[in-house]
PDB file of N, CA and C in Angstrom:
ATOM      1  N   MET A   1      94.109 173.705  79.305  1.00  0.00           N
ATOM      2  CA  MET A   1      94.882 173.276  79.645  1.00  0.00           C
ATOM      3  C   MET A   1      96.688 173.515  79.619  1.00  0.00           C
ATOM      4  N   ASP A   2      97.452 174.271  80.213  1.00  0.00           N
ATOM      5  CA  ASP A   2      98.635 174.253  79.323  1.00  0.00           C
ATOM      6  C   ASP A   2     100.060 173.418  79.776  1.00  0.00           C
ATOM      7  N   TRP A   3     100.598 173.277  78.570  1.00  0.00           N
ATOM      8  CA  TRP A   3     101.591 171.800  78.892  1.00  0.00           C
ATOM      9  C   TRP A   3     102.612 171.838  80.210  1.00  0.00           C
ATOM     10  N   THR A   4     102.647 173.006  80.662  1.00  0.00           N
ATOM     11  CA  THR A   4     103.253 172.784  82.152  1.00  0.00           C
ATOM     12  C   THR A   4     102.536 171.954  83.072  1.00  0.00           C
ATOM     13  N   SER A   5     101.148 172.431  83.067  1.00  0.00           N
ATOM     14  CA  SER A   5     100.048 171.756  84.065  1.00  0.00           C
ATOM     15  C   SER A   5     100.445 169.927  83.927  1.00  0.00           C
ATOM     16  N   ILE A   6     100.517 169.835  82.726  1.00  0.00           N
ATOM     17  CA  ILE A   6     100.427 168.352  82.364  1.00  0.00           C
ATOM     18  C   ILE A   6     101.987 167.755  82.701  1.00  0.00           C
ATOM     19  N   VAL A   7     103.242 168.965  82.490  1.00  0.00           N
ATOM     20  CA  VAL A   7     104.286 168.426  82.652  1.00  0.00           C
ATOM     21  C   VAL A   7     104.633 167.856  84.283  1.00  0.00           C
ATOM     22  N   VAL A   8     104.122 168.760  85.180  1.00  0.00           N
ATOM     23  CA  VAL A   8     104.204 169.256  86.903  1.00  0.00           C
ATOM     24  C   VAL A   8     103.490 167.362  86.789  1.00  0.00           C
ATOM     25  N   ALA A   9     102.386 167.295  86.513  1.00  0.00           N
ATOM     26  CA  ALA A   9     101.652 166.313  86.849  1.00  0.00           C
ATOM     27  C   ALA A   9     102.027 164.883  86.591  1.00  0.00           C
ATOM     28  N   LEU A  10     102.593 164.616  85.387  1.00  0.00           N
ATOM     29  CA  LEU A  10     103.760 163.733  84.917  1.00  0.00           C
ATOM     30  C   LEU A  10     105.020 163.755  86.196  1.00  0.00           C
ATOM     31  N   ILE A  11     105.442 164.385  86.214  1.00  0.00           N
ATOM     32  CA  ILE A  11     106.671 164.495  86.854  1.00  0.00           C
ATOM     33  C   ILE A  11     106.165 163.988  88.557  1.00  0.00           C
ATOM     34  N   THR A  12     104.898 164.701  88.850  1.00  0.00           N
ATOM     35  CA  THR A  12     105.022 164.206  89.993  1.00  0.00           C
ATOM     36  C   THR A  12     104.412 162.717  90.453  1.00  0.00           C
ATOM     37  N   GLY A  13     103.818 162.131  89.309  1.00  0.00           N
ATOM     38  CA  GLY A  13     102.760 160.859  89.103  1.00  0.00           C
ATOM     39  C   GLY A  13     104.507 159.811  89.350  1.00  0.00           C
ATOM     40  N   GLY A  14     105.346 160.137  88.567  1.00  0.00           N
ATOM     41  CA  GLY A  14     106.200 159.593  88.114  1.00  0.00           C
ATOM     42  C   GLY A  14     106.967 159.331  89.177  1.00  0.00           C
ATOM     43  N   LEU A  15     107.489 160.568  90.247  1.00  0.00           N
ATOM     44  CA  LEU A  15     108.345 160.015  91.264  1.00  0.00           C
ATOM     45  C   LEU A  15     107.133 159.584  92.635  1.00  0.00           C
ATOM     46  N   ALA A  16     105.971 160.129  92.517  1.00  0.00           N
ATOM     47  CA  ALA A  16     105.005 159.009  93.639  1.00  0.00           C
ATOM     48  C   ALA A  16     105.288 157.261  93.127  1.00  0.00           C
ATOM     49  N   PHE A  17     105.494 157.253  91.808  1.00  0.00           N
ATOM     50  CA  PHE A  17     105.918 156.207  91.311  1.00  0.00           C
ATOM     51  C   PHE A  17     106.497 155.391  91.895  1.00  0.00           C
ATOM     52  N   LEU A  18     107.609 156.155  91.850  1.00  0.00           N
ATOM     53  CA  LEU A  18     108.920 155.465  92.322  1.00  0.00           C
ATOM     54  C   LEU A  18     108.740 155.330  93.934  1.00  0.00           C
ATOM     55  N   GLY A  19     108.387 156.309  94.220  1.00  0.00           N
ATOM     56  CA  GLY A  19     108.688 155.797  96.303  1.00  0.00           C
ATOM     57  C   GLY A  19     107.821 154.878  96.244  1.00  0.00           C
ATOM     58  N   VAL A  20     106.743 154.545  95.792  1.00  0.00           N
ATOM     59  CA  VAL A  20     106.010 153.562  96.386  1.00  0.00           C
ATOM     60  C   VAL A  20     106.735 152.112  95.628  1.00  0.00           C
ATOM     61  N   LEU A  21     107.334 151.820  94.556  1.00  0.00           N
ATOM     62  CA  LEU A  21     108.555 150.939  94.621  1.00  0.00           C
ATOM     63  C   LEU A  21     109.120 150.774  95.277  1.00  0.00           C
ATOM     64  N   ALA A  22     110.228 151.538  95.972  1.00  0.00           N
ATOM     65  CA  ALA A  22     111.387 151.839  97.227  1.00  0.00           C
ATOM     66  C   ALA A  22     110.387 151.167  98.102  1.00  0.00           C
ATOM     67  N   ALA A  23     109.292 151.852  98.483  1.00  0.00           N
ATOM     68  CA  ALA A  23     108.429 151.533  99.868  1.00  0.00           C
ATOM     69  C   ALA A  23     108.298 149.949  99.778  1.00  0.00           C
ATOM     70  N   ASN A  24     107.716 149.575  98.232  1.00  0.00           N
ATOM     71  CA  ASN A  24     107.608 147.830  98.190  1.00  0.00           C
ATOM     72  C   ASN A  24     108.414 147.301  98.401  1.00  0.00           C
ATOM     73  N   ARG A  25     109.700 147.595  97.775  1.00  0.00           N
ATOM     74  CA  ARG A  25     111.378 146.654  97.729  1.00  0.00           C
ATOM     75  C   ARG A  25     111.755 146.608  99.015  1.00  0.00           C
ATOM     76  N   LYS A  26     111.631 147.556  99.885  1.00  0.00           N
ATOM     77  CA  LYS A  26     111.959 147.547 101.813  1.00  0.00           C
ATOM     78  C   LYS A  26     111.236 146.562 102.135  1.00  0.00           C
ATOM     79  N   THR A  27     109.602 146.390 101.769  1.00  0.00           N
ATOM     80  CA  THR A  27     108.838 145.905 102.669  1.00  0.00           C
ATOM     81  C   THR A  27     109.205 144.474 102.406  1.00  0.00           C
ATOM     82  N   GLY A  28     109.282 144.366 100.908  1.00  0.00           N
ATOM     83  CA  GLY A  28     109.655 142.838 100.754  1.00  0.00           C
ATOM     84  C   GLY A  28     110.600 142.427 101.114  1.00  0.00           C
ATOM     85  N   ALA A  29     111.524 143.248 101.585  1.00  0.00           N
ATOM     86  CA  ALA A  29     113.383 142.693 102.249  1.00  0.00           C
ATOM     87  C   ALA A  29     113.170 142.484 103.310  1.00  0.00           C
ATOM     88  N   LEU A  30     112.263 143.391 103.982  1.00  0.00           N
ATOM     89  CA  LEU A  30     112.073 143.221 105.428  1.00  0.00           C
ATOM     90  C   LEU A  30     111.066 141.800 106.056  1.00  0.00           C
ATOM     91  N   ILE A  31     110.149 141.719 105.279  1.00  0.00           N
ATOM     92  CA  ILE A  31     108.775 140.190 104.647  1.00  0.00           C
ATOM     93  C   ILE A  31     109.703 139.265 104.762  1.00  0.00           C
ATOM     94  N   ALA A  32     111.177 139.020 103.611  1.00  0.00           N
ATOM     95  CA  ALA A  32     111.985 137.871 103.650  1.00  0.00           C
ATOM     96  C   ALA A  32     112.828 137.754 104.398  1.00  0.00           C
ATOM     97  N   TYR A  33     113.329 138.901 105.265  1.00  0.00           N
ATOM     98  CA  TYR A  33     114.083 138.462 106.395  1.00  0.00           C
ATOM     99  C   TYR A  33     113.194 138.140 107.809  1.00  0.00           C
ATOM    100  N   ARG A  34     112.276 138.463 107.740  1.00  0.00           N
ATOM    101  CA  ARG A  34     111.082 138.286 108.902  1.00  0.00           C
ATOM    102  C   ARG A  34     110.715 136.383 108.758  1.00  0.00           C
ATOM    103  N   ILE A  35     110.436 136.060 107.574  1.00  0.00           N
ATOM    104  CA  ILE A  35     110.364 134.303 107.177  1.00  0.00           C
ATOM    105  C   ILE A  35     111.231 133.662 107.610  1.00  0.00           C
ATOM    106  N   ASP A  36     112.822 134.344 107.047  1.00  0.00           N
ATOM    107  CA  ASP A  36     113.917 133.678 107.256  1.00  0.00           C
ATOM    108  C   ASP A  36     114.694 133.398 108.868  1.00  0.00           C
ATOM    109  N   GLN A  37     113.594 134.625 110.204  1.00  0.00           N
ATOM    110  CA  GLN A  37     114.090 134.417 111.050  1.00  0.00           C
ATOM    111  C   GLN A  37     113.182 133.128 111.635  1.00  0.00           C
ATOM    112  N   LEU A  38     112.125 133.338 111.302  1.00  0.00           N
ATOM    113  CA  LEU A  38     110.933 132.266 111.287  1.00  0.00           C
ATOM    114  C   LEU A  38     111.250 131.125 111.579  1.00  0.00           C
ATOM    115  N   GLU A  39     111.977 130.461 109.963  1.00  0.00           N
ATOM    116  CA  GLU A  39     112.305 129.351 109.411  1.00  0.00           C
ATOM    117  C   GLU A  39     113.118 128.939 110.632  1.00  0.00           C
ATOM    118  N   ALA A  40     113.986 129.826 111.042  1.00  0.00           N
ATOM    119  CA  ALA A  40     115.261 129.067 111.769  1.00  0.00           C
ATOM    120  C   ALA A  40     114.764 128.913 113.093  1.00  0.00           C
ATOM    121  N   LYS A  41     113.645 129.246 113.629  1.00  0.00           N
ATOM    122  CA  LYS A  41     113.332 129.392 114.863  1.00  0.00           C
ATOM    123  C   LYS A  41     112.386 127.829 114.360  1.00  0.00           C
ATOM    124  N   VAL A  42     111.790 127.045 113.562  1.00  0.00           N
ATOM    125  CA  VAL A  42     110.983 126.386 113.635  1.00  0.00           C
ATOM    126  C   VAL A  42     112.162 125.016 112.831  1.00  0.00           C
ATOM    127  N   ASP A  43     113.067 125.452 112.705  1.00  0.00           N
ATOM    128  CA  ASP A  43     113.925 124.266 112.717  1.00  0.00           C
ATOM    129  C   ASP A  43     114.752 124.011 113.754  1.00  0.00           C
ATOM    130  N   LYS A  44     114.832 124.916 114.693  1.00  0.00           N
ATOM    131  CA  LYS A  44     114.972 124.613 116.136  1.00  0.00           C
ATOM    132  C   LYS A  44     114.886 123.972 116.945  1.00  0.00           C
ATOM    133  N   HIS A  45     113.497 124.044 117.022  1.00  0.00           N
ATOM    134  CA  HIS A  45     112.047 123.715 117.455  1.00  0.00           C
ATOM    135  C   HIS A  45     112.012 122.111 117.080  1.00  0.00           C
ATOM    136  N   ASN A  46     111.890 121.649 115.452  1.00  0.00           N
ATOM    137  CA  ASN A  46     111.992 120.195 115.370  1.00  0.00           C
ATOM    138  C   ASN A  46     112.810 119.821 115.599  1.00  0.00           C
ATOM    139  N   HIS A  47     114.364 120.544 115.724  1.00  0.00           N
ATOM    140  CA  HIS A  47     115.595 119.597 116.112  1.00  0.00           C
ATOM    141  C   HIS A  47     115.425 119.335 117.224  1.00  0.00           C
ATOM    142  N   PHE A  48     114.766 119.919 118.197  1.00  0.00           N
ATOM    143  CA  PHE A  48     114.451 119.314 119.627  1.00  0.00           C
ATOM    144  C   PHE A  48     113.285 118.524 120.114  1.00  0.00           C
ATOM    145  N   ALA A  49     112.260 118.525 118.817  1.00  0.00           N
ATOM    146  CA  ALA A  49     111.189 117.509 119.025  1.00  0.00           C
ATOM    147  C   ALA A  49     111.598 116.161 118.365  1.00  0.00           C
ATOM    148  N   GLU A  50     112.699 116.170 117.705  1.00  0.00           N
ATOM    149  CA  GLU A  50     113.522 115.008 117.086  1.00  0.00           C
ATOM    150  C   GLU A  50     114.221 114.447 118.436  1.00  0.00           C
ATOM    151  N   ARG A  51     114.831 115.359 119.613  1.00  0.00           N
ATOM    152  CA  ARG A  51     115.731 114.278 120.285  1.00  0.00           C
ATOM    153  C   ARG A  51     114.928 114.546 121.696  1.00  0.00           C
ATOM    154  N   MET A  52     113.929 115.159 121.917  1.00  0.00           N
ATOM    155  CA  MET A  52     113.092 114.432 122.654  1.00  0.00           C
ATOM    156  C   MET A  52     112.758 113.052 123.171  1.00  0.00           C
ATOM    157  N   PRO A  53     112.713 112.061 122.089  1.00  0.00           N
ATOM    158  CA  PRO A  53     112.048 110.825 122.066  1.00  0.00           C
ATOM    159  C   PRO A  53     113.078 110.140 122.607  1.00  0.00           C
ATOM    160  N   VAL A  54     114.395 110.625 122.473  1.00  0.00           N
ATOM    161  CA  VAL A  54     115.704 109.956 122.246  1.00  0.00           C
ATOM    162  C   VAL A  54     116.194 110.399 123.975  1.00  0.00           C
ATOM    163  N   ILE A  55     115.937 111.682 124.494  1.00  0.00           N
ATOM    164  CA  ILE A  55     115.675 111.865 125.688  1.00  0.00           C
ATOM    165  C   ILE A  55     115.455 111.067 126.953  1.00  0.00           C
ATOM    166  N   GLU A  56     113.597 110.730 126.978  1.00  0.00           N
ATOM    167  CA  GLU A  56     113.050 110.402 127.429  1.00  0.00           C
ATOM    168  C   GLU A  56     113.216 108.876 127.584  1.00  0.00           C
ATOM    169  N   GLU A  57     114.031 108.246 126.379  1.00  0.00           N
ATOM    170  CA  GLU A  57     114.453 107.169 126.294  1.00  0.00           C
ATOM    171  C   GLU A  57     115.474 106.806 127.530  1.00  0.00           C
ATOM    172  N   GLN A  58     116.413 107.559 127.364  1.00  0.00           N
ATOM    173  CA  GLN A  58     117.679 107.418 127.920  1.00  0.00           C
ATOM    174  C   GLN A  58     117.373 107.510 129.709  1.00  0.00           C
ATOM    175  N   ILE A  59     115.818 108.663 129.863  1.00  0.00           N
ATOM    176  CA  ILE A  59     115.879 109.041 131.074  1.00  0.00           C
ATOM    177  C   ILE A  59     114.920 107.652 131.720  1.00  0.00           C
ATOM    178  N   LYS A  60     114.149 106.774 130.870  1.00  0.00           N
ATOM    179  CA  LYS A  60     113.431 105.728 131.390  1.00  0.00           C
ATOM    180  C   LYS A  60     114.875 104.471 131.657  1.00  0.00           C
ATOM    181  N   VAL A  61     115.693 104.497 130.389  1.00  0.00           N
ATOM    182  CA  VAL A  61     116.622 103.344 131.300  1.00  0.00           C
ATOM    183  C   VAL A  61     117.457 103.893 132.643  1.00  0.00           C
ATOM    184  N   ALA A  62     117.436 105.119 132.511  1.00  0.00           N
ATOM    185  CA  ALA A  62     118.400 105.309 133.649  1.00  0.00           C
ATOM    186  C   ALA A  62     117.502 105.092 135.276  1.00  0.00           C
ATOM    187  N   ASN A  63     116.382 105.301 135.138  1.00  0.00           N
ATOM    188  CA  ASN A  63     115.321 105.272 135.824  1.00  0.00           C
ATOM    189  C   ASN A  63     115.220 103.660 136.583  1.00  0.00           C
ATOM    190  N   HIS A  64     115.491 103.017 135.411  1.00  0.00           N
ATOM    191  CA  HIS A  64     115.133 101.454 135.302  1.00  0.00           C
ATOM    192  C   HIS A  64     116.283 101.045 136.393  1.00  0.00           C
ATOM    193  N   ARG A  65     117.620 101.468 135.680  1.00  0.00           N
ATOM    194  CA  ARG A  65     119.407 101.066 136.412  1.00  0.00           C
ATOM    195  C   ARG A  65     119.221 101.761 137.867  1.00  0.00           C
ATOM    196  N   ILE A  66     118.357 102.697 138.630  1.00  0.00           N
ATOM    197  CA  ILE A  66     118.468 103.486 139.628  1.00  0.00           C
ATOM    198  C   ILE A  66     117.771 102.022 140.793  1.00  0.00           C
ATOM    199  N   ASP A  67     116.180 101.769 140.011  1.00  0.00           N
ATOM    200  CA  ASP A  67     115.653 101.159 140.552  1.00  0.00           C
ATOM    201  C   ASP A  67     116.271  99.419 140.807  1.00  0.00           C
ATOM    202  N   ASP A  68     116.852  99.493 139.680  1.00  0.00           N
ATOM    203  CA  ASP A  68     117.845  97.871 140.088  1.00  0.00           C
ATOM    204  C   ASP A  68     118.689  98.219 141.088  1.00  0.00           C
ATOM    205  N   LEU A  69     119.373  99.073 141.375  1.00  0.00           N
ATOM    206  CA  LEU A  69     120.524  99.523 141.937  1.00  0.00           C
ATOM    207  C   LEU A  69     119.944  99.776 143.396  1.00  0.00           C
ATOM    208  N   GLU A  70     118.762 100.034 143.744  1.00  0.00           N
ATOM    209  CA  GLU A  70     118.057 100.730 144.733  1.00  0.00           C
ATOM    210  C   GLU A  70     117.572  99.025 145.360  1.00  0.00           C
ATOM    211  N   ARG A  71     116.981  98.485 144.391  1.00  0.00           N
ATOM    212  CA  ARG A  71     116.915  96.581 145.303  1.00  0.00           C
ATOM    213  C   ARG A  71     117.888  96.188 145.317  1.00  0.00           C
ATOM    214  N   LYS A  72     119.260  96.186 144.978  1.00  0.00           N
ATOM    215  CA  LYS A  72     120.335  95.386 145.039  1.00  0.00           C
ATOM    216  C   LYS A  72     120.586  96.161 146.232  1.00  0.00           C
ATOM    217  N   VAL A  73     120.630  97.483 147.040  1.00  0.00           N
ATOM    218  CA  VAL A  73     121.151  97.771 147.906  1.00  0.00           C
ATOM    219  C   VAL A  73     119.920  97.803 149.337  1.00  0.00           C
ATOM    220  N   ASP A  74     119.076  97.237 148.841  1.00  0.00           N
ATOM    221  CA  ASP A  74     117.850  96.700 149.882  1.00  0.00           C
ATOM    222  C   ASP A  74     117.870  95.553 150.503  1.00  0.00           C
ATOM    223  N   THR A  75     118.688  94.426 149.734  1.00  0.00           N
ATOM    224  CA  THR A  75     118.723  93.565 149.541  1.00  0.00           C
ATOM    225  C   THR A  75     119.789  93.110 150.819  1.00  0.00           C
TER     226      THR A  75
END
C-alpha cells in the first residue's frame, strides 16, 4: 500500500465528514425554525382558549339582556 492511497483516503474521508457536519447543521437550524413556528401557533391557540370562556360569558349576559328586553316589549 502506498502513501498516496492513504492520503487520498484521508482527504476523501475528511471532506465527507465536513459535508455531514454541514448537512447536520442545516438540518438542526431547520428543525429549530420549525419548532419556533409550532410554539408560536401553540401560544396563539392557548391565548384563544383563554379568551373563549370570557366570550361565552359575555354572550350569556347579552342573551339574558335580550330576553329581558323581549319580555318588556311583550308586556
